[in-house]
Amino acid sequence: MSVIKRKIALEEVKFNAPIGFFEEERILKNNFLFSAYVSYTPNHLRVQDTDDLEHTVDYSKIYDIAKHHFSKEAKLLEHVAHGILNDIVATYPFLEHINIQIKKLNPPIQAEIKNSLVELIYQADAV
C-alpha cells in the first residue's frame, strides 16, 4: 500500500527583532528570515478529499508562534529556535518531522557575510 506524506512550509518570513548577543543589536534590532517545514502522514485515507483546516496544519498558526518568539528580546538564535520548535510540537503533536531555519541577515562581523544560520531538525520517535 502506498503512503502519502504531507509537507507544509513557510519560507523566509522576514522579522525585525530584538535578538542578538550584543546589547546594541537588541536595541537597534536585526533582520531575520524564518523558515519552517513540517510533515506528517495523514491518519486516514480520505483526508485528501476534505477541505477542512482541522485535518491539516494551519501555517498561520506556525507564523503566529514564530511572531510571538521574535517579539521577545533574546541573545541567542538557538534559544528562539527551540522556543518555536517546542510550541509547534505542543500545537501539532502528530508531526513526524520539523525543520526550522533562522537566518540572521548581515550579522555584525567585520566581513562580507550574507547571513548566519541556525537550523533545528526534529524527528518524532518511531511508533
N, C-alpha and C. Protein backbone atom coordinates (compact mmCIF):
# COMPACT_ATOMS: atom_id res chain seq x y z
N MET A 1 0.85 -1.18 0.00
CA MET A 1 0.00 0.00 0.00
C MET A 1 0.90 1.25 0.00
N SER A 2 0.54 2.22 -0.77
CA SER A 2 1.33 3.45 -0.83
C SER A 2 0.98 4.38 0.33
N VAL A 3 1.93 5.25 0.65
CA VAL A 3 1.76 6.19 1.75
C VAL A 3 1.99 7.59 1.21
N ILE A 4 1.11 8.49 1.58
CA ILE A 4 1.28 9.88 1.20
C ILE A 4 1.66 10.66 2.45
N LYS A 5 2.78 11.36 2.37
CA LYS A 5 3.19 12.25 3.46
C LYS A 5 2.85 13.66 3.04
N ARG A 6 2.46 14.46 4.00
CA ARG A 6 2.13 15.84 3.73
C ARG A 6 3.23 16.74 4.28
N LYS A 7 3.65 17.70 3.48
CA LYS A 7 4.65 18.67 3.90
C LYS A 7 4.05 20.07 3.74
N ILE A 8 4.19 20.85 4.77
CA ILE A 8 3.66 22.22 4.78
C ILE A 8 4.79 23.12 5.23
N ALA A 9 4.90 24.30 4.61
CA ALA A 9 6.05 25.15 4.92
C ALA A 9 5.70 26.62 4.87
N LEU A 10 6.50 27.37 5.61
CA LEU A 10 6.60 28.82 5.48
C LEU A 10 8.06 29.07 5.13
N GLU A 11 8.31 29.86 4.11
CA GLU A 11 9.68 30.09 3.71
C GLU A 11 10.05 31.57 3.78
N GLU A 12 11.13 31.81 4.48
CA GLU A 12 11.77 33.13 4.56
C GLU A 12 10.81 34.26 4.93
N VAL A 13 10.12 34.07 6.05
CA VAL A 13 9.28 35.12 6.62
C VAL A 13 10.22 36.12 7.28
N LYS A 14 10.09 37.38 6.94
CA LYS A 14 11.02 38.39 7.45
C LYS A 14 10.52 38.96 8.78
N PHE A 15 11.43 39.01 9.75
CA PHE A 15 11.17 39.61 11.05
C PHE A 15 12.27 40.61 11.37
N ASN A 16 11.93 41.70 12.00
CA ASN A 16 12.89 42.65 12.56
C ASN A 16 12.72 42.51 14.06
N ALA A 17 13.76 42.00 14.74
CA ALA A 17 13.57 41.57 16.12
C ALA A 17 14.74 41.95 17.03
N PRO A 18 14.43 42.11 18.33
CA PRO A 18 15.47 42.44 19.32
C PRO A 18 16.26 41.22 19.77
N ILE A 19 16.92 40.59 18.81
CA ILE A 19 17.67 39.37 19.09
C ILE A 19 19.11 39.59 18.66
N GLY A 20 20.02 39.33 19.59
CA GLY A 20 21.44 39.45 19.29
C GLY A 20 22.24 39.40 20.56
N PHE A 21 23.45 38.92 20.46
CA PHE A 21 24.30 38.78 21.64
C PHE A 21 24.68 40.14 22.23
N PHE A 22 24.93 41.11 21.37
CA PHE A 22 25.35 42.43 21.85
C PHE A 22 24.13 43.30 22.15
N GLU A 23 24.24 44.08 23.22
CA GLU A 23 23.12 44.93 23.64
C GLU A 23 22.64 45.85 22.52
N GLU A 24 23.58 46.38 21.73
CA GLU A 24 23.21 47.28 20.63
C GLU A 24 22.30 46.58 19.64
N GLU A 25 22.54 45.28 19.43
CA GLU A 25 21.70 44.52 18.49
C GLU A 25 20.27 44.41 19.00
N ARG A 26 20.14 44.24 20.30
CA ARG A 26 18.80 44.12 20.88
C ARG A 26 18.09 45.48 20.88
N ILE A 27 18.84 46.55 21.01
CA ILE A 27 18.25 47.90 20.98
C ILE A 27 17.87 48.28 19.55
N LEU A 28 18.80 48.11 18.62
CA LEU A 28 18.57 48.52 17.23
C LEU A 28 17.80 47.48 16.41
N LYS A 29 17.78 46.26 16.88
CA LYS A 29 17.13 45.11 16.24
C LYS A 29 17.91 44.64 15.01
N ASN A 30 17.65 43.41 14.63
CA ASN A 30 18.27 42.78 13.48
C ASN A 30 17.18 42.23 12.56
N ASN A 31 17.54 42.00 11.31
CA ASN A 31 16.62 41.39 10.35
C ASN A 31 16.89 39.90 10.26
N PHE A 32 15.81 39.12 10.24
CA PHE A 32 15.89 37.67 10.21
C PHE A 32 14.95 37.13 9.15
N LEU A 33 15.31 35.97 8.59
CA LEU A 33 14.42 35.21 7.73
C LEU A 33 14.15 33.89 8.43
N PHE A 34 12.87 33.59 8.62
CA PHE A 34 12.44 32.39 9.32
C PHE A 34 11.77 31.45 8.33
N SER A 35 12.17 30.17 8.36
CA SER A 35 11.52 29.14 7.55
C SER A 35 11.18 27.95 8.45
N ALA A 36 10.04 27.36 8.17
CA ALA A 36 9.63 26.15 8.89
C ALA A 36 9.03 25.17 7.90
N TYR A 37 9.48 23.93 8.00
CA TYR A 37 8.98 22.84 7.17
C TYR A 37 8.49 21.76 8.12
N VAL A 38 7.24 21.36 7.98
CA VAL A 38 6.67 20.31 8.84
C VAL A 38 6.06 19.24 7.96
N SER A 39 6.11 18.00 8.43
CA SER A 39 5.49 16.92 7.66
C SER A 39 4.90 15.87 8.57
N TYR A 40 3.93 15.17 8.00
CA TYR A 40 3.24 14.11 8.74
C TYR A 40 2.55 13.20 7.74
N THR A 41 2.14 12.02 8.22
CA THR A 41 1.36 11.09 7.43
C THR A 41 -0.08 11.19 7.90
N PRO A 42 -1.00 11.60 7.04
CA PRO A 42 -2.41 11.68 7.46
C PRO A 42 -2.88 10.33 7.99
N ASN A 43 -3.71 10.37 9.03
CA ASN A 43 -4.09 9.12 9.71
C ASN A 43 -5.30 8.42 9.10
N HIS A 44 -5.85 8.95 8.04
CA HIS A 44 -6.92 8.22 7.36
C HIS A 44 -6.82 8.48 5.85
N LEU A 45 -7.31 7.52 5.08
CA LEU A 45 -7.09 7.52 3.65
C LEU A 45 -7.79 8.65 2.90
N ARG A 46 -8.92 9.11 3.39
CA ARG A 46 -9.71 10.06 2.62
C ARG A 46 -9.44 11.50 3.01
N VAL A 47 -8.38 11.77 3.76
CA VAL A 47 -8.08 13.13 4.20
C VAL A 47 -7.85 14.06 3.00
N GLN A 48 -7.35 13.54 1.90
CA GLN A 48 -7.12 14.38 0.74
C GLN A 48 -8.42 14.88 0.11
N ASP A 49 -9.55 14.25 0.45
CA ASP A 49 -10.83 14.66 -0.10
C ASP A 49 -11.51 15.76 0.71
N THR A 50 -10.91 16.15 1.82
CA THR A 50 -11.54 17.15 2.68
C THR A 50 -11.00 18.53 2.39
N ASP A 51 -11.79 19.52 2.71
CA ASP A 51 -11.39 20.91 2.56
C ASP A 51 -11.44 21.58 3.93
N ASP A 52 -11.23 20.77 4.97
CA ASP A 52 -11.36 21.20 6.36
C ASP A 52 -9.97 21.46 6.95
N LEU A 53 -9.75 22.67 7.44
CA LEU A 53 -8.46 23.05 8.02
C LEU A 53 -8.10 22.20 9.24
N GLU A 54 -9.08 21.63 9.89
CA GLU A 54 -8.82 20.78 11.06
C GLU A 54 -8.07 19.50 10.71
N HIS A 55 -8.00 19.15 9.44
CA HIS A 55 -7.32 17.91 9.02
C HIS A 55 -5.92 18.16 8.48
N THR A 56 -5.38 19.32 8.80
CA THR A 56 -4.04 19.63 8.31
C THR A 56 -3.36 20.58 9.29
N VAL A 57 -2.23 21.14 8.90
CA VAL A 57 -1.51 22.10 9.71
C VAL A 57 -1.83 23.50 9.18
N ASP A 58 -2.27 24.35 10.06
CA ASP A 58 -2.59 25.74 9.71
C ASP A 58 -1.29 26.54 9.79
N TYR A 59 -0.73 26.88 8.64
CA TYR A 59 0.56 27.58 8.65
C TYR A 59 0.44 28.97 9.26
N SER A 60 -0.76 29.54 9.34
CA SER A 60 -0.90 30.83 10.02
C SER A 60 -0.64 30.68 11.52
N LYS A 61 -0.91 29.50 12.08
CA LYS A 61 -0.59 29.25 13.49
C LYS A 61 0.93 29.16 13.69
N ILE A 62 1.61 28.56 12.72
CA ILE A 62 3.07 28.50 12.80
C ILE A 62 3.64 29.92 12.73
N TYR A 63 3.08 30.73 11.86
CA TYR A 63 3.50 32.13 11.78
C TYR A 63 3.28 32.84 13.12
N ASP A 64 2.12 32.64 13.72
CA ASP A 64 1.81 33.29 15.00
C ASP A 64 2.80 32.86 16.09
N ILE A 65 3.16 31.58 16.10
CA ILE A 65 4.14 31.08 17.07
C ILE A 65 5.48 31.78 16.85
N ALA A 66 5.93 31.84 15.61
CA ALA A 66 7.21 32.49 15.30
C ALA A 66 7.15 33.97 15.66
N LYS A 67 6.09 34.63 15.30
CA LYS A 67 5.94 36.07 15.58
C LYS A 67 6.04 36.33 17.08
N HIS A 68 5.42 35.48 17.88
CA HIS A 68 5.47 35.61 19.33
C HIS A 68 6.92 35.56 19.82
N HIS A 69 7.69 34.59 19.32
CA HIS A 69 9.06 34.42 19.79
C HIS A 69 9.99 35.51 19.26
N PHE A 70 9.74 35.99 18.06
CA PHE A 70 10.56 37.06 17.51
C PHE A 70 10.24 38.41 18.15
N SER A 71 9.13 38.51 18.84
CA SER A 71 8.78 39.78 19.50
C SER A 71 9.48 39.94 20.84
N LYS A 72 10.06 38.86 21.37
CA LYS A 72 10.72 38.89 22.67
C LYS A 72 12.23 39.09 22.50
N GLU A 73 12.81 39.79 23.43
CA GLU A 73 14.25 40.00 23.42
C GLU A 73 14.98 38.71 23.77
N ALA A 74 16.06 38.41 23.04
CA ALA A 74 16.87 37.22 23.31
C ALA A 74 18.28 37.47 22.80
N LYS A 75 19.22 36.75 23.39
CA LYS A 75 20.62 36.86 22.97
C LYS A 75 20.96 35.88 21.85
N LEU A 76 20.43 34.67 21.93
CA LEU A 76 20.85 33.61 21.01
C LEU A 76 19.70 33.14 20.11
N LEU A 77 20.01 32.96 18.84
CA LEU A 77 19.04 32.41 17.90
C LEU A 77 18.62 31.00 18.29
N GLU A 78 19.54 30.25 18.86
CA GLU A 78 19.23 28.89 19.29
C GLU A 78 18.09 28.89 20.30
N HIS A 79 18.10 29.86 21.20
CA HIS A 79 17.05 29.98 22.21
C HIS A 79 15.70 30.24 21.54
N VAL A 80 15.68 31.14 20.58
CA VAL A 80 14.45 31.46 19.85
C VAL A 80 13.97 30.24 19.08
N ALA A 81 14.88 29.56 18.38
CA ALA A 81 14.51 28.40 17.58
C ALA A 81 13.93 27.28 18.43
N HIS A 82 14.52 27.02 19.60
CA HIS A 82 13.99 25.97 20.48
C HIS A 82 12.60 26.34 21.00
N GLY A 83 12.38 27.61 21.32
CA GLY A 83 11.06 28.04 21.77
C GLY A 83 10.01 27.82 20.70
N ILE A 84 10.34 28.18 19.47
CA ILE A 84 9.41 27.97 18.35
C ILE A 84 9.15 26.48 18.15
N LEU A 85 10.21 25.69 18.14
CA LEU A 85 10.07 24.25 17.95
C LEU A 85 9.18 23.64 19.02
N ASN A 86 9.42 23.96 20.27
CA ASN A 86 8.62 23.41 21.37
C ASN A 86 7.15 23.77 21.22
N ASP A 87 6.85 25.01 20.82
CA ASP A 87 5.46 25.42 20.66
C ASP A 87 4.79 24.74 19.47
N ILE A 88 5.53 24.51 18.39
CA ILE A 88 4.96 23.79 17.24
C ILE A 88 4.63 22.36 17.63
N VAL A 89 5.55 21.69 18.33
CA VAL A 89 5.31 20.32 18.77
C VAL A 89 4.10 20.25 19.70
N ALA A 90 3.97 21.22 20.60
CA ALA A 90 2.83 21.24 21.52
C ALA A 90 1.51 21.48 20.78
N THR A 91 1.54 22.29 19.74
CA THR A 91 0.33 22.60 18.97
C THR A 91 -0.05 21.46 18.04
N TYR A 92 0.95 20.81 17.46
CA TYR A 92 0.72 19.74 16.48
C TYR A 92 1.53 18.51 16.86
N PRO A 93 1.10 17.76 17.89
CA PRO A 93 1.89 16.61 18.36
C PRO A 93 1.98 15.46 17.35
N PHE A 94 1.16 15.47 16.31
CA PHE A 94 1.19 14.40 15.31
C PHE A 94 2.28 14.60 14.25
N LEU A 95 2.98 15.73 14.28
CA LEU A 95 4.02 15.97 13.28
C LEU A 95 5.16 14.98 13.44
N GLU A 96 5.63 14.48 12.32
CA GLU A 96 6.71 13.49 12.32
C GLU A 96 8.08 14.15 12.13
N HIS A 97 8.10 15.26 11.42
CA HIS A 97 9.36 15.91 11.10
C HIS A 97 9.15 17.42 11.09
N ILE A 98 10.07 18.14 11.72
CA ILE A 98 10.02 19.60 11.72
C ILE A 98 11.43 20.10 11.45
N ASN A 99 11.55 21.04 10.54
CA ASN A 99 12.83 21.67 10.24
C ASN A 99 12.61 23.17 10.37
N ILE A 100 13.37 23.79 11.25
CA ILE A 100 13.28 25.23 11.46
C ILE A 100 14.62 25.85 11.08
N GLN A 101 14.57 26.92 10.32
CA GLN A 101 15.78 27.65 9.95
C GLN A 101 15.58 29.12 10.26
N ILE A 102 16.57 29.71 10.89
CA ILE A 102 16.56 31.15 11.14
C ILE A 102 17.87 31.71 10.58
N LYS A 103 17.72 32.63 9.65
CA LYS A 103 18.88 33.31 9.07
C LYS A 103 18.94 34.72 9.64
N LYS A 104 20.09 35.08 10.13
CA LYS A 104 20.33 36.44 10.59
C LYS A 104 21.03 37.18 9.45
N LEU A 105 20.35 38.19 8.90
CA LEU A 105 20.90 38.92 7.77
C LEU A 105 21.96 39.90 8.23
N ASN A 106 23.04 39.98 7.49
CA ASN A 106 24.13 40.91 7.78
C ASN A 106 24.58 40.88 9.25
N PRO A 107 25.03 39.74 9.74
CA PRO A 107 25.47 39.67 11.13
C PRO A 107 26.64 40.64 11.38
N PRO A 108 26.76 41.14 12.62
CA PRO A 108 27.77 42.16 12.91
C PRO A 108 29.19 41.58 13.05
N ILE A 109 29.74 41.17 11.94
CA ILE A 109 31.09 40.63 11.88
C ILE A 109 31.83 41.45 10.82
N GLN A 110 33.08 41.70 11.06
CA GLN A 110 33.88 42.50 10.13
C GLN A 110 34.25 41.68 8.89
N ALA A 111 33.24 41.33 8.12
CA ALA A 111 33.43 40.58 6.88
C ALA A 111 32.15 40.73 6.05
N GLU A 112 32.24 40.44 4.79
CA GLU A 112 31.05 40.48 3.95
C GLU A 112 30.36 39.12 4.08
N ILE A 113 29.25 39.11 4.81
CA ILE A 113 28.51 37.88 5.09
C ILE A 113 27.05 38.11 4.77
N LYS A 114 26.49 37.25 3.96
CA LYS A 114 25.07 37.36 3.60
C LYS A 114 24.19 37.11 4.83
N ASN A 115 24.45 36.00 5.53
CA ASN A 115 23.67 35.67 6.71
C ASN A 115 24.37 34.59 7.53
N SER A 116 23.96 34.52 8.79
CA SER A 116 24.32 33.37 9.62
C SER A 116 23.06 32.50 9.68
N LEU A 117 23.19 31.28 10.18
CA LEU A 117 22.05 30.35 10.15
C LEU A 117 22.06 29.47 11.39
N VAL A 118 20.87 29.31 11.95
CA VAL A 118 20.63 28.30 12.98
C VAL A 118 19.52 27.41 12.44
N GLU A 119 19.75 26.10 12.50
CA GLU A 119 18.76 25.15 12.00
C GLU A 119 18.53 24.08 13.05
N LEU A 120 17.27 23.77 13.30
CA LEU A 120 16.89 22.66 14.18
C LEU A 120 16.10 21.65 13.36
N ILE A 121 16.42 20.39 13.53
CA ILE A 121 15.71 19.32 12.83
C ILE A 121 15.15 18.37 13.89
N TYR A 122 13.83 18.25 13.89
CA TYR A 122 13.11 17.40 14.85
C TYR A 122 12.56 16.19 14.12
N GLN A 123 12.80 15.02 14.67
CA GLN A 123 12.25 13.79 14.13
C GLN A 123 11.53 13.08 15.27
N ALA A 124 10.22 12.88 15.12
CA ALA A 124 9.44 12.23 16.17
C ALA A 124 9.91 10.79 16.34
N ASP A 125 9.77 10.29 17.55
CA ASP A 125 10.12 8.90 17.82
C ASP A 125 9.24 7.98 16.99
N ALA A 126 9.84 6.91 16.48
CA ALA A 126 9.07 5.93 15.69
C ALA A 126 8.09 5.21 16.61
N VAL A 127 6.93 4.96 16.07
CA VAL A 127 5.88 4.29 16.85
C VAL A 127 6.08 2.82 16.85
